[in-house]
Amino acid sequence: MKNDDMGELWRTQHSDGFRMSSEEIRSRIEVMNRTLRRRTIDLYLLFAAEIAFFGGWMMVRMNALQTAGAVLTIIGISYLGWQVRANRFRPLSMDASDTLEHLRRELARQRDFHWGSRFWWRMLLFVPGPLIFSAGFAQAHPGVITFIRFETLSFGVLVVTAIPLNWWMARRYQKQIDALARLQEEK
């Protein structure tokens, strides 16, 4: 069989397409809701611990760089907490008729959270605080400079890793949106 024949055979094939019942869509929404609720609670606990840690450090005698870094870190964490709260999952009412559109909107919201201006604002507001705090700590305690360098390098690796990770998550959500768009076209 020639390549042209194979291409023609592929083009002429018909498929039933991708189908999803309303119950399957509702089930998918519920799974997404549970996952996001658990992630949100975990993040809030982490944010509270970080704010308590840096707030506690502000009670200890610190130099100006440590204080500025602690304040900037608390501001960055608070902004991230605000974004997580604003991005929380909107539950689907039980009488909602357009579950597919609701799922598409939720996926789009999650995609936008992980990429675009929301992501970059988070990075811009969060990253400088810990770096400035580390610089101030190294200045105040030169005896532990090696540990501070390791900590700063580790933080940098996490920040750099966050970029492709969030991009991957945004692409994953976009693929799900595209699958739903194909489903809506087949209706």
C-alpha atoms as a PDB file:
ATOM      1  CA  MET A   1       0.000   0.000   0.000  1.00  0.00           C
ATOM      2  CA  LYS A   2       1.386   3.395  -0.945  1.00  0.00           C
ATOM      3  CA  ASN A   3       1.516   6.342   1.434  1.00  0.00           C
ATOM      4  CA  ASP A   4      -1.223   8.079  -0.596  1.00  0.00           C
ATOM      5  CA  ASP A   5      -3.491   5.053  -0.203  1.00  0.00           C
ATOM      6  CA  MET A   6      -2.858   4.937   3.536  1.00  0.00           C
ATOM      7  CA  GLY A   7      -3.592   8.645   3.859  1.00  0.00           C
ATOM      8  CA  GLU A   8      -6.840   8.255   1.911  1.00  0.00           C
ATOM      9  CA  LEU A   9      -7.865   5.283   4.069  1.00  0.00           C
ATOM     10  CA  TRP A  10      -7.179   7.297   7.231  1.00  0.00           C
ATOM     11  CA  ARG A  11      -9.161  10.312   5.958  1.00  0.00           C
ATOM     12  CA  THR A  12     -12.177   8.229   4.999  1.00  0.00           C
ATOM     13  CA  GLN A  13     -12.432   6.387   8.310  1.00  0.00           C
ATOM     14  CA  HIS A  14     -15.293   7.429  10.537  1.00  0.00           C
ATOM     15  CA  SER A  15     -15.317   7.217  14.274  1.00  0.00           C
ATOM     16  CA  ASP A  16     -17.994   7.692  16.858  1.00  0.00           C
ATOM     17  CA  GLY A  17     -15.756  10.291  18.463  1.00  0.00           C
ATOM     18  CA  PHE A  18     -15.209  10.932  22.100  1.00  0.00           C
ATOM     19  CA  ARG A  19     -18.384  10.786  24.176  1.00  0.00           C
ATOM     20  CA  MET A  20     -18.940  11.621  27.807  1.00  0.00           C
ATOM     21  CA  SER A  21     -22.221  11.366  29.667  1.00  0.00           C
ATOM     22  CA  SER A  22     -23.490  14.034  32.064  1.00  0.00           C
ATOM     23  CA  GLU A  23     -22.768  11.699  34.954  1.00  0.00           C
ATOM     24  CA  GLU A  24     -19.176  11.200  33.780  1.00  0.00           C
ATOM     25  CA  ILE A  25     -18.757  14.978  33.539  1.00  0.00           C
ATOM     26  CA  ARG A  26     -20.235  15.468  37.032  1.00  0.00           C
ATOM     27  CA  SER A  27     -17.943  12.738  38.354  1.00  0.00           C
ATOM     28  CA  ARG A  28     -14.939  14.434  36.766  1.00  0.00           C
ATOM     29  CA  ILE A  29     -15.965  17.762  38.300  1.00  0.00           C
ATOM     30  CA  GLU A  30     -16.280  16.149  41.742  1.00  0.00           C
ATOM     31  CA  VAL A  31     -12.832  14.543  41.483  1.00  0.00           C
ATOM     32  CA  MET A  32     -11.377  17.893  40.439  1.00  0.00           C
ATOM     33  CA  ASN A  33     -13.199  19.569  43.329  1.00  0.00           C
ATOM     34  CA  ARG A  34     -11.805  17.120  45.929  1.00  0.00           C
ATOM     35  CA  THR A  35      -8.276  17.372  44.547  1.00  0.00           C
ATOM     36  CA  LEU A  36      -8.295  21.161  44.519  1.00  0.00           C
ATOM     37  CA  ARG A  37      -9.880  21.382  47.981  1.00  0.00           C
ATOM     38  CA  ARG A  38      -7.136  19.157  49.456  1.00  0.00           C
ATOM     39  CA  ARG A  39      -4.412  21.109  47.642  1.00  0.00           C
ATOM     40  CA  THR A  40      -5.864  24.391  48.885  1.00  0.00           C
ATOM     41  CA  ILE A  41      -5.989  23.238  52.523  1.00  0.00           C
ATOM     42  CA  ASP A  42      -2.384  22.015  52.286  1.00  0.00           C
ATOM     43  CA  LEU A  43      -1.297  25.335  50.811  1.00  0.00           C
ATOM     44  CA  TYR A  44      -3.067  27.347  53.508  1.00  0.00           C
ATOM     45  CA  LEU A  45      -1.298  25.291  56.196  1.00  0.00           C
ATOM     46  CA  LEU A  46       2.049  25.850  54.485  1.00  0.00           C
ATOM     47  CA  PHE A  47       1.356  29.586  54.122  1.00  0.00           C
ATOM     48  CA  ALA A  48       0.418  29.879  57.814  1.00  0.00           C
ATOM     49  CA  ALA A  49       3.624  28.101  58.854  1.00  0.00           C
ATOM     50  CA  GLU A  50       5.772  30.310  56.618  1.00  0.00           C
ATOM     51  CA  ILE A  51       4.113  33.516  57.821  1.00  0.00           C
ATOM     52  CA  ALA A  52       4.549  32.376  61.451  1.00  0.00           C
ATOM     53  CA  PHE A  53       8.205  31.557  60.800  1.00  0.00           C
ATOM     54  CA  PHE A  54       9.065  34.898  59.178  1.00  0.00           C
ATOM     55  CA  GLY A  55       6.858  36.804  61.610  1.00  0.00           C
ATOM     56  CA  GLY A  56       8.709  35.076  64.466  1.00  0.00           C
ATOM     57  CA  TRP A  57      12.032  36.082  62.962  1.00  0.00           C
ATOM     58  CA  MET A  58      10.856  39.671  62.925  1.00  0.00           C
ATOM     59  CA  MET A  59      10.501  39.488  66.728  1.00  0.00           C
ATOM     60  CA  VAL A  60      14.166  38.523  67.017  1.00  0.00           C
ATOM     61  CA  ARG A  61      16.774  41.215  66.681  1.00  0.00           C
ATOM     62  CA  MET A  62      17.602  41.354  62.965  1.00  0.00           C
ATOM     63  CA  ASN A  63      19.480  43.593  60.607  1.00  0.00           C
ATOM     64  CA  ALA A  64      17.677  45.717  57.999  1.00  0.00           C
ATOM     65  CA  LEU A  65      18.098  43.160  55.181  1.00  0.00           C
ATOM     66  CA  GLN A  66      16.596  40.354  57.246  1.00  0.00           C
ATOM     67  CA  THR A  67      13.661  42.541  58.252  1.00  0.00           C
ATOM     68  CA  ALA A  68      13.053  43.671  54.669  1.00  0.00           C
ATOM     69  CA  GLY A  69      13.325  40.085  53.444  1.00  0.00           C
ATOM     70  CA  ALA A  70      10.900  38.832  56.113  1.00  0.00           C
ATOM     71  CA  VAL A  71       8.374  41.573  55.290  1.00  0.00           C
ATOM     72  CA  LEU A  72       8.655  40.931  51.533  1.00  0.00           C
ATOM     73  CA  THR A  73       8.290  37.185  52.076  1.00  0.00           C
ATOM     74  CA  ILE A  74       5.153  37.672  54.168  1.00  0.00           C
ATOM     75  CA  ILE A  75       3.739  39.983  51.483  1.00  0.00           C
ATOM     76  CA  GLY A  76       4.577  37.438  48.744  1.00  0.00           C
ATOM     77  CA  ILE A  77       3.025  34.559  50.690  1.00  0.00           C
ATOM     78  CA  SER A  78      -0.072  36.636  51.462  1.00  0.00           C
ATOM     79  CA  TYR A  79      -0.450  37.489  47.784  1.00  0.00           C
ATOM     80  CA  LEU A  80      -0.106  33.826  46.867  1.00  0.00           C
ATOM     81  CA  GLY A  81      -2.732  32.956  49.490  1.00  0.00           C
ATOM     82  CA  TRP A  82      -5.044  35.590  48.034  1.00  0.00           C
ATOM     83  CA  GLN A  83      -4.545  34.135  44.538  1.00  0.00           C
ATOM     84  CA  VAL A  84      -5.271  30.613  45.758  1.00  0.00           C
ATOM     85  CA  ARG A  85      -8.441  31.868  47.479  1.00  0.00           C
ATOM     86  CA  ALA A  86      -9.561  33.774  44.372  1.00  0.00           C
ATOM     87  CA  ASN A  87      -8.872  30.696  42.238  1.00  0.00           C
ATOM     88  CA  ARG A  88     -10.785  28.235  44.396  1.00  0.00           C
ATOM     89  CA  PHE A  89     -13.093  25.777  42.708  1.00  0.00           C
ATOM     90  CA  ARG A  90     -16.650  26.974  42.065  1.00  0.00           C
ATOM     91  CA  PRO A  91     -18.981  24.103  42.949  1.00  0.00           C
ATOM     92  CA  LEU A  92     -21.546  23.032  40.405  1.00  0.00           C
ATOM     93  CA  SER A  93     -25.120  23.370  41.539  1.00  0.00           C
ATOM     94  CA  MET A  94     -27.032  20.115  41.357  1.00  0.00           C
ATOM     95  CA  ASP A  95     -29.597  21.591  38.968  1.00  0.00           C
ATOM     96  CA  ALA A  96     -27.010  22.938  36.536  1.00  0.00           C
ATOM     97  CA  SER A  97     -27.851  21.878  33.014  1.00  0.00           C
ATOM     98  CA  ASP A  98     -24.615  22.762  31.255  1.00  0.00           C
ATOM     99  CA  THR A  99     -22.041  20.709  33.145  1.00  0.00           C
ATOM    100  CA  LEU A 100     -19.709  20.567  30.166  1.00  0.00           C
ATOM    101  CA  GLU A 101     -19.444  24.358  29.991  1.00  0.00           C
ATOM    102  CA  HIS A 102     -18.902  24.534  33.761  1.00  0.00           C
ATOM    103  CA  LEU A 103     -16.062  22.009  33.517  1.00  0.00           C
ATOM    104  CA  ARG A 104     -14.516  23.951  30.630  1.00  0.00           C
ATOM    105  CA  ARG A 105     -14.595  27.206  32.642  1.00  0.00           C
ATOM    106  CA  GLU A 106     -13.017  25.506  35.656  1.00  0.00           C
ATOM    107  CA  LEU A 107     -10.258  24.004  33.527  1.00  0.00           C
ATOM    108  CA  ALA A 108      -9.600  27.392  31.909  1.00  0.00           C
ATOM    109  CA  ARG A 109      -9.373  29.020  35.339  1.00  0.00           C
ATOM    110  CA  GLN A 110      -6.869  26.415  36.486  1.00  0.00           C
ATOM    111  CA  ARG A 111      -4.852  26.839  33.280  1.00  0.00           C
ATOM    112  CA  ASP A 112      -4.727  30.613  33.767  1.00  0.00           C
ATOM    113  CA  PHE A 113      -3.655  30.166  37.387  1.00  0.00           C
ATOM    114  CA  HIS A 114      -0.620  28.145  36.329  1.00  0.00           C
ATOM    115  CA  TRP A 115       0.533  30.332  33.481  1.00  0.00           C
ATOM    116  CA  GLY A 116       0.351  33.877  32.244  1.00  0.00           C
ATOM    117  CA  SER A 117       0.288  37.057  34.298  1.00  0.00           C
ATOM    118  CA  ARG A 118      -1.002  35.385  37.480  1.00  0.00           C
ATOM    119  CA  PHE A 119       1.984  33.061  37.575  1.00  0.00           C
ATOM    120  CA  TRP A 120       4.522  35.776  36.834  1.00  0.00           C
ATOM    121  CA  TRP A 121       3.048  38.142  39.462  1.00  0.00           C
ATOM    122  CA  ARG A 122       3.386  35.355  42.019  1.00  0.00           C
ATOM    123  CA  MET A 123       7.016  34.867  41.060  1.00  0.00           C
ATOM    124  CA  LEU A 124       7.722  38.595  41.106  1.00  0.00           C
ATOM    125  CA  LEU A 125       6.193  39.123  44.543  1.00  0.00           C
ATOM    126  CA  PHE A 126       7.407  35.948  46.233  1.00  0.00           C
ATOM    127  CA  VAL A 127      10.978  35.319  45.039  1.00  0.00           C
ATOM    128  CA  PRO A 128      12.812  38.478  46.229  1.00  0.00           C
ATOM    129  CA  GLY A 129      11.804  38.186  49.910  1.00  0.00           C
ATOM    130  CA  PRO A 130      13.565  34.908  50.750  1.00  0.00           C
ATOM    131  CA  LEU A 131      16.643  35.967  48.763  1.00  0.00           C
ATOM    132  CA  ILE A 132      16.917  39.286  50.618  1.00  0.00           C
ATOM    133  CA  PHE A 133      16.294  37.518  53.939  1.00  0.00           C
ATOM    134  CA  SER A 134      19.101  35.042  53.154  1.00  0.00           C
ATOM    135  CA  ALA A 135      21.473  37.875  52.257  1.00  0.00           C
ATOM    136  CA  GLY A 136      20.692  39.599  55.560  1.00  0.00           C
ATOM    137  CA  PHE A 137      21.093  36.352  57.493  1.00  0.00           C
ATOM    138  CA  ALA A 138      24.463  35.711  55.846  1.00  0.00           C
ATOM    139  CA  GLN A 139      25.516  39.255  56.727  1.00  0.00           C
ATOM    140  CA  ALA A 140      24.458  38.826  60.365  1.00  0.00           C
ATOM    141  CA  HIS A 141      25.879  35.301  60.732  1.00  0.00           C
ATOM    142  CA  PRO A 142      28.991  34.897  58.534  1.00  0.00           C
ATOM    143  CA  GLY A 143      29.877  31.637  60.301  1.00  0.00           C
ATOM    144  CA  VAL A 144      27.069  29.779  58.509  1.00  0.00           C
ATOM    145  CA  ILE A 145      27.639  31.292  55.061  1.00  0.00           C
ATOM    146  CA  THR A 146      28.166  27.860  53.469  1.00  0.00           C
ATOM    147  CA  PHE A 147      24.782  26.663  54.705  1.00  0.00           C
ATOM    148  CA  ILE A 148      23.146  29.927  53.570  1.00  0.00           C
ATOM    149  CA  ARG A 149      24.671  29.521  50.107  1.00  0.00           C
ATOM    150  CA  PHE A 150      23.334  25.956  49.894  1.00  0.00           C
ATOM    151  CA  GLU A 151      19.895  27.126  51.049  1.00  0.00           C
ATOM    152  CA  THR A 152      19.862  29.974  48.524  1.00  0.00           C
ATOM    153  CA  LEU A 153      20.977  27.678  45.723  1.00  0.00           C
ATOM    154  CA  SER A 154      18.252  25.171  46.669  1.00  0.00           C
ATOM    155  CA  PHE A 155      15.650  27.949  46.668  1.00  0.00           C
ATOM    156  CA  GLY A 156      16.874  29.050  43.227  1.00  0.00           C
ATOM    157  CA  VAL A 157      16.548  25.504  41.900  1.00  0.00           C
ATOM    158  CA  LEU A 158      12.976  25.306  43.235  1.00  0.00           C
ATOM    159  CA  VAL A 159      12.088  28.646  41.640  1.00  0.00           C
ATOM    160  CA  VAL A 160      13.569  27.656  38.285  1.00  0.00           C
ATOM    161  CA  THR A 161      11.826  24.270  38.491  1.00  0.00           C
ATOM    162  CA  ALA A 162       8.486  25.981  39.184  1.00  0.00           C
ATOM    163  CA  ILE A 163       8.525  27.587  35.731  1.00  0.00           C
ATOM    164  CA  PRO A 164       8.420  24.415  33.584  1.00  0.00           C
ATOM    165  CA  LEU A 165       6.231  22.636  36.144  1.00  0.00           C
ATOM    166  CA  ASN A 166       3.556  25.333  35.999  1.00  0.00           C
ATOM    167  CA  TRP A 167       3.868  25.520  32.223  1.00  0.00           C
ATOM    168  CA  TRP A 168       3.372  21.737  32.025  1.00  0.00           C
ATOM    169  CA  MET A 169       0.298  21.952  34.274  1.00  0.00           C
ATOM    170  CA  ALA A 170      -1.168  24.769  32.175  1.00  0.00           C
ATOM    171  CA  ARG A 171      -0.610  22.709  29.018  1.00  0.00           C
ATOM    172  CA  ARG A 172      -2.258  19.700  30.668  1.00  0.00           C
ATOM    173  CA  TYR A 173      -5.334  21.787  31.482  1.00  0.00           C
ATOM    174  CA  GLN A 174      -5.335  23.171  27.929  1.00  0.00           C
ATOM    175  CA  LYS A 175      -5.340  19.643  26.495  1.00  0.00           C
ATOM    176  CA  GLN A 176      -8.384  18.838  28.607  1.00  0.00           C
ATOM    177  CA  ILE A 177     -10.075  22.028  27.381  1.00  0.00           C
ATOM    178  CA  ASP A 178      -9.300  21.054  23.781  1.00  0.00           C
ATOM    179  CA  ALA A 179     -10.803  17.587  24.352  1.00  0.00           C
ATOM    180  CA  LEU A 180     -13.960  19.185  25.728  1.00  0.00           C
ATOM    181  CA  ALA A 181     -14.103  21.564  22.751  1.00  0.00           C
ATOM    182  CA  ARG A 182     -13.970  18.577  20.411  1.00  0.00           C
ATOM    183  CA  LEU A 183     -16.758  16.984  22.444  1.00  0.00           C
ATOM    184  CA  GLN A 184     -18.885  20.114  22.155  1.00  0.00           C
ATOM    185  CA  GLU A 185     -18.313  20.238  18.393  1.00  0.00           C
ATOM    186  CA  GLU A 186     -19.584  16.672  18.077  1.00  0.00           C
ATOM    187  CA  LYS A 187     -22.849  17.448  19.888  1.00  0.00           C
END
